[in-house]
C-alpha cells in the first residue's frame, strides 16, 4: 500500500530540499536478504527513499555488487552467488 501512494504523494508534495532516506531496518524488512552493510552503503549513495528501495531489490535479486566503484568502462558488477547444474 505504501508503494501505491508514492505517485500521488510526488504530485502533491514534490521534492524537498532536505535529503530523505529510508531507515536501515525498514530497508532490510522490505527487501529480504539485504545485509546491514549493503543497506548502509545504499543509504549513503544519496537517492530518494523509493529509489533506495528499488535499488535494494536490484541488489538482492540480480546479485549486484554494491561496493564496486564504477569507472569509465563498467557501471556495476554482478556477483554470481548460486551455482545451478543443468542435467
N, C-alpha and C. Protein backbone atom coordinates (compact mmCIF):
# COMPACT_ATOMS: atom_id res chain seq x y z
N UNK A 1 0.82 -1.19 0.00
CA UNK A 1 0.00 0.00 0.00
C UNK A 1 0.86 1.25 0.00
N UNK A 2 2.02 1.18 0.67
CA UNK A 2 2.89 2.35 0.75
C UNK A 2 3.42 2.72 -0.62
N UNK A 3 3.75 1.70 -1.44
CA UNK A 3 4.31 1.96 -2.75
C UNK A 3 3.27 2.52 -3.72
N UNK A 4 2.01 2.16 -3.52
CA UNK A 4 0.96 2.65 -4.40
C UNK A 4 0.74 4.14 -4.21
N UNK A 5 0.91 4.61 -2.99
CA UNK A 5 0.65 6.02 -2.69
C UNK A 5 1.77 6.96 -3.13
N UNK A 6 2.93 6.44 -3.49
CA UNK A 6 4.07 7.30 -3.76
C UNK A 6 3.85 8.19 -4.98
N UNK A 7 3.14 7.71 -5.99
CA UNK A 7 2.91 8.53 -7.18
C UNK A 7 2.05 9.74 -6.84
N UNK A 8 0.99 9.55 -6.08
CA UNK A 8 0.15 10.67 -5.67
C UNK A 8 0.87 11.63 -4.76
N UNK A 9 1.73 11.12 -3.89
CA UNK A 9 2.48 11.99 -2.99
C UNK A 9 3.44 12.87 -3.76
N UNK A 10 4.10 12.30 -4.76
CA UNK A 10 5.04 13.08 -5.57
C UNK A 10 4.32 14.21 -6.30
N UNK A 11 3.10 13.97 -6.73
CA UNK A 11 2.36 15.01 -7.44
C UNK A 11 1.90 16.12 -6.49
N UNK A 12 1.54 15.77 -5.26
CA UNK A 12 1.05 16.76 -4.31
C UNK A 12 2.17 17.51 -3.60
N UNK A 13 3.17 16.77 -3.08
CA UNK A 13 4.17 17.39 -2.23
C UNK A 13 5.43 17.80 -2.98
N UNK A 14 5.84 17.01 -3.95
CA UNK A 14 7.06 17.32 -4.67
C UNK A 14 8.30 16.99 -3.87
N UNK A 15 9.43 17.38 -4.38
CA UNK A 15 10.70 17.10 -3.73
C UNK A 15 11.02 18.15 -2.68
N UNK A 16 11.64 17.72 -1.62
CA UNK A 16 12.06 18.64 -0.58
C UNK A 16 13.54 18.94 -0.74
N UNK A 17 13.96 20.07 -0.22
CA UNK A 17 15.37 20.43 -0.28
C UNK A 17 16.20 19.58 0.68
N UNK A 18 15.61 19.17 1.80
CA UNK A 18 16.32 18.35 2.77
C UNK A 18 16.35 16.90 2.28
N UNK A 19 17.52 16.27 2.26
CA UNK A 19 17.59 14.88 1.80
C UNK A 19 16.88 13.93 2.76
N UNK A 20 16.14 12.99 2.20
CA UNK A 20 15.45 11.99 3.00
C UNK A 20 16.12 10.65 2.75
N UNK A 21 15.91 9.73 3.64
CA UNK A 21 16.46 8.40 3.47
C UNK A 21 15.59 7.39 4.20
N UNK A 22 15.57 6.19 3.68
CA UNK A 22 14.83 5.11 4.31
C UNK A 22 15.64 4.57 5.48
N UNK A 23 14.97 4.24 6.55
CA UNK A 23 15.63 3.65 7.72
C UNK A 23 16.23 2.30 7.32
N UNK A 24 17.36 1.99 7.88
CA UNK A 24 18.07 0.75 7.54
C UNK A 24 17.22 -0.46 7.89
N UNK A 25 16.57 -0.42 9.05
CA UNK A 25 15.72 -1.54 9.46
C UNK A 25 14.56 -1.72 8.48
N UNK A 26 14.02 -0.61 7.99
CA UNK A 26 12.91 -0.67 7.03
C UNK A 26 13.38 -1.27 5.70
N UNK A 27 14.55 -0.88 5.24
CA UNK A 27 15.10 -1.46 4.01
C UNK A 27 15.29 -2.96 4.16
N UNK A 28 15.84 -3.37 5.28
CA UNK A 28 16.09 -4.79 5.50
C UNK A 28 14.78 -5.57 5.66
N UNK A 29 13.76 -4.93 6.20
CA UNK A 29 12.46 -5.60 6.35
C UNK A 29 11.76 -5.78 5.02
N UNK A 30 11.84 -4.74 4.18
CA UNK A 30 11.11 -4.78 2.91
C UNK A 30 11.85 -5.52 1.80
N UNK A 31 13.16 -5.72 1.96
CA UNK A 31 13.95 -6.47 0.98
C UNK A 31 14.65 -7.61 1.71
N UNK A 32 14.03 -8.79 1.77
CA UNK A 32 14.65 -9.92 2.46
C UNK A 32 15.95 -10.33 1.79
N UNK A 33 16.97 -10.57 2.59
CA UNK A 33 18.27 -10.97 2.06
C UNK A 33 19.28 -9.84 1.99
N UNK A 34 18.86 -8.63 2.27
CA UNK A 34 19.76 -7.48 2.27
C UNK A 34 20.50 -7.41 3.60
N UNK A 35 21.81 -7.28 3.56
CA UNK A 35 22.59 -7.20 4.78
C UNK A 35 22.64 -5.76 5.28
N UNK A 36 23.00 -5.61 6.53
CA UNK A 36 23.10 -4.28 7.13
C UNK A 36 24.19 -3.45 6.44
N UNK A 37 25.29 -4.09 6.09
CA UNK A 37 26.40 -3.40 5.42
C UNK A 37 25.96 -2.88 4.05
N UNK A 38 25.21 -3.69 3.30
CA UNK A 38 24.70 -3.26 2.00
C UNK A 38 23.69 -2.14 2.16
N UNK A 39 22.83 -2.23 3.17
CA UNK A 39 21.83 -1.18 3.41
C UNK A 39 22.50 0.15 3.75
N UNK A 40 23.56 0.11 4.54
CA UNK A 40 24.29 1.35 4.86
C UNK A 40 24.91 1.96 3.61
N UNK A 41 25.46 1.12 2.74
CA UNK A 41 26.06 1.62 1.51
C UNK A 41 25.01 2.23 0.59
N UNK A 42 23.86 1.57 0.46
CA UNK A 42 22.77 2.09 -0.38
C UNK A 42 22.27 3.41 0.18
N UNK A 43 22.19 3.50 1.50
CA UNK A 43 21.72 4.73 2.13
C UNK A 43 22.69 5.88 1.91
N UNK A 44 23.97 5.58 1.81
CA UNK A 44 24.98 6.63 1.65
C UNK A 44 25.11 7.14 0.22
N UNK A 45 24.46 6.49 -0.74
CA UNK A 45 24.59 6.91 -2.14
C UNK A 45 23.89 8.25 -2.39
N UNK A 46 22.78 8.50 -1.71
CA UNK A 46 22.10 9.78 -1.84
C UNK A 46 20.90 9.76 -2.77
N UNK A 47 20.13 8.68 -2.75
CA UNK A 47 18.93 8.58 -3.58
C UNK A 47 17.70 8.88 -2.73
N UNK A 48 16.56 9.01 -3.40
CA UNK A 48 15.31 9.20 -2.67
C UNK A 48 14.93 7.87 -2.01
N UNK A 49 14.02 7.88 -1.05
CA UNK A 49 13.64 6.64 -0.37
C UNK A 49 13.12 5.55 -1.32
N UNK A 50 12.37 5.95 -2.33
CA UNK A 50 11.82 4.95 -3.26
C UNK A 50 12.90 4.43 -4.19
N UNK A 51 13.86 5.27 -4.57
CA UNK A 51 14.98 4.80 -5.38
C UNK A 51 15.88 3.87 -4.58
N UNK A 52 16.05 4.15 -3.29
CA UNK A 52 16.81 3.25 -2.43
C UNK A 52 16.17 1.87 -2.37
N UNK A 53 14.86 1.84 -2.24
CA UNK A 53 14.14 0.58 -2.16
C UNK A 53 14.25 -0.18 -3.48
N UNK A 54 14.09 0.51 -4.60
CA UNK A 54 14.21 -0.14 -5.91
C UNK A 54 15.61 -0.68 -6.13
N UNK A 55 16.61 0.11 -5.76
CA UNK A 55 18.00 -0.32 -5.93
C UNK A 55 18.32 -1.51 -5.02
N UNK A 56 17.75 -1.53 -3.82
CA UNK A 56 17.96 -2.66 -2.91
C UNK A 56 17.38 -3.94 -3.51
N UNK A 57 16.20 -3.85 -4.14
CA UNK A 57 15.63 -5.02 -4.81
C UNK A 57 16.56 -5.51 -5.92
N UNK A 58 17.11 -4.58 -6.70
CA UNK A 58 18.03 -4.96 -7.77
C UNK A 58 19.29 -5.63 -7.21
N UNK A 59 19.78 -5.10 -6.11
CA UNK A 59 20.99 -5.65 -5.49
C UNK A 59 20.76 -7.09 -5.06
N UNK A 60 19.66 -7.34 -4.39
CA UNK A 60 19.40 -8.69 -3.86
C UNK A 60 19.01 -9.66 -4.96
N UNK A 61 18.11 -9.27 -5.84
CA UNK A 61 17.58 -10.20 -6.82
C UNK A 61 18.48 -10.40 -8.04
N UNK A 62 19.32 -9.43 -8.38
CA UNK A 62 20.20 -9.57 -9.54
C UNK A 62 21.65 -9.79 -9.17
N UNK A 63 21.96 -9.79 -7.90
CA UNK A 63 23.32 -10.06 -7.46
C UNK A 63 24.30 -8.95 -7.76
N UNK A 64 23.87 -7.70 -7.67
CA UNK A 64 24.74 -6.56 -7.96
C UNK A 64 25.65 -6.30 -6.77
N UNK A 65 26.91 -6.03 -7.06
CA UNK A 65 27.88 -5.72 -6.02
C UNK A 65 27.77 -4.24 -5.67
N UNK A 66 27.30 -3.93 -4.47
CA UNK A 66 27.08 -2.55 -4.05
C UNK A 66 28.40 -1.82 -3.85
N UNK A 67 29.43 -2.54 -3.48
CA UNK A 67 30.69 -1.92 -3.08
C UNK A 67 31.64 -1.69 -4.26
N UNK A 68 31.20 -2.00 -5.48
CA UNK A 68 32.01 -1.79 -6.67
C UNK A 68 31.95 -0.32 -7.08
N UNK A 69 33.11 0.31 -7.22
CA UNK A 69 33.15 1.70 -7.67
C UNK A 69 33.17 1.72 -9.19
N UNK A 70 32.21 2.41 -9.79
CA UNK A 70 32.13 2.44 -11.25
C UNK A 70 33.30 3.22 -11.83
N UNK A 71 33.66 2.85 -13.05
CA UNK A 71 34.73 3.54 -13.75
C UNK A 71 34.23 3.90 -15.15
N UNK A 72 35.12 4.23 -16.05
CA UNK A 72 34.71 4.63 -17.40
C UNK A 72 34.16 3.48 -18.23
N UNK A 73 34.49 2.26 -17.86
CA UNK A 73 34.08 1.11 -18.66
C UNK A 73 32.85 0.39 -18.10
N UNK A 74 32.78 0.26 -16.78
CA UNK A 74 31.71 -0.53 -16.17
C UNK A 74 30.98 0.29 -15.11
N UNK A 75 29.65 0.18 -15.10
CA UNK A 75 28.84 0.88 -14.10
C UNK A 75 28.62 0.03 -12.86
N UNK A 76 28.30 -1.25 -13.07
CA UNK A 76 28.05 -2.15 -11.94
C UNK A 76 28.74 -3.48 -12.20
N UNK A 77 28.88 -4.25 -11.15
CA UNK A 77 29.45 -5.59 -11.28
C UNK A 77 28.47 -6.57 -10.66
N UNK A 78 28.21 -7.64 -11.40
CA UNK A 78 27.29 -8.67 -10.91
C UNK A 78 28.10 -9.80 -10.29
N UNK A 79 27.66 -10.23 -9.12
CA UNK A 79 28.33 -11.30 -8.40
C UNK A 79 27.46 -12.54 -8.46
N UNK A 80 28.02 -13.62 -8.96
CA UNK A 80 27.28 -14.87 -9.04
C UNK A 80 27.44 -15.60 -7.72
N UNK A 81 26.33 -15.82 -7.03
CA UNK A 81 26.39 -16.45 -5.71
C UNK A 81 25.79 -17.85 -5.69
N UNK A 82 25.06 -18.21 -6.73
CA UNK A 82 24.42 -19.52 -6.76
C UNK A 82 24.90 -20.29 -7.98
N UNK A 83 25.04 -21.56 -7.81
CA UNK A 83 25.50 -22.42 -8.89
C UNK A 83 24.38 -23.37 -9.24
N UNK A 84 23.95 -23.34 -10.48
CA UNK A 84 22.89 -24.22 -10.95
C UNK A 84 23.51 -25.26 -11.90
N UNK A 85 23.17 -26.50 -11.67
CA UNK A 85 23.68 -27.56 -12.53
C UNK A 85 22.53 -28.08 -13.38
N UNK A 86 22.71 -27.99 -14.69
CA UNK A 86 21.68 -28.46 -15.62
C UNK A 86 22.09 -29.83 -16.13
N UNK A 87 21.19 -30.78 -15.95
CA UNK A 87 21.49 -32.16 -16.38
C UNK A 87 20.62 -32.50 -17.57
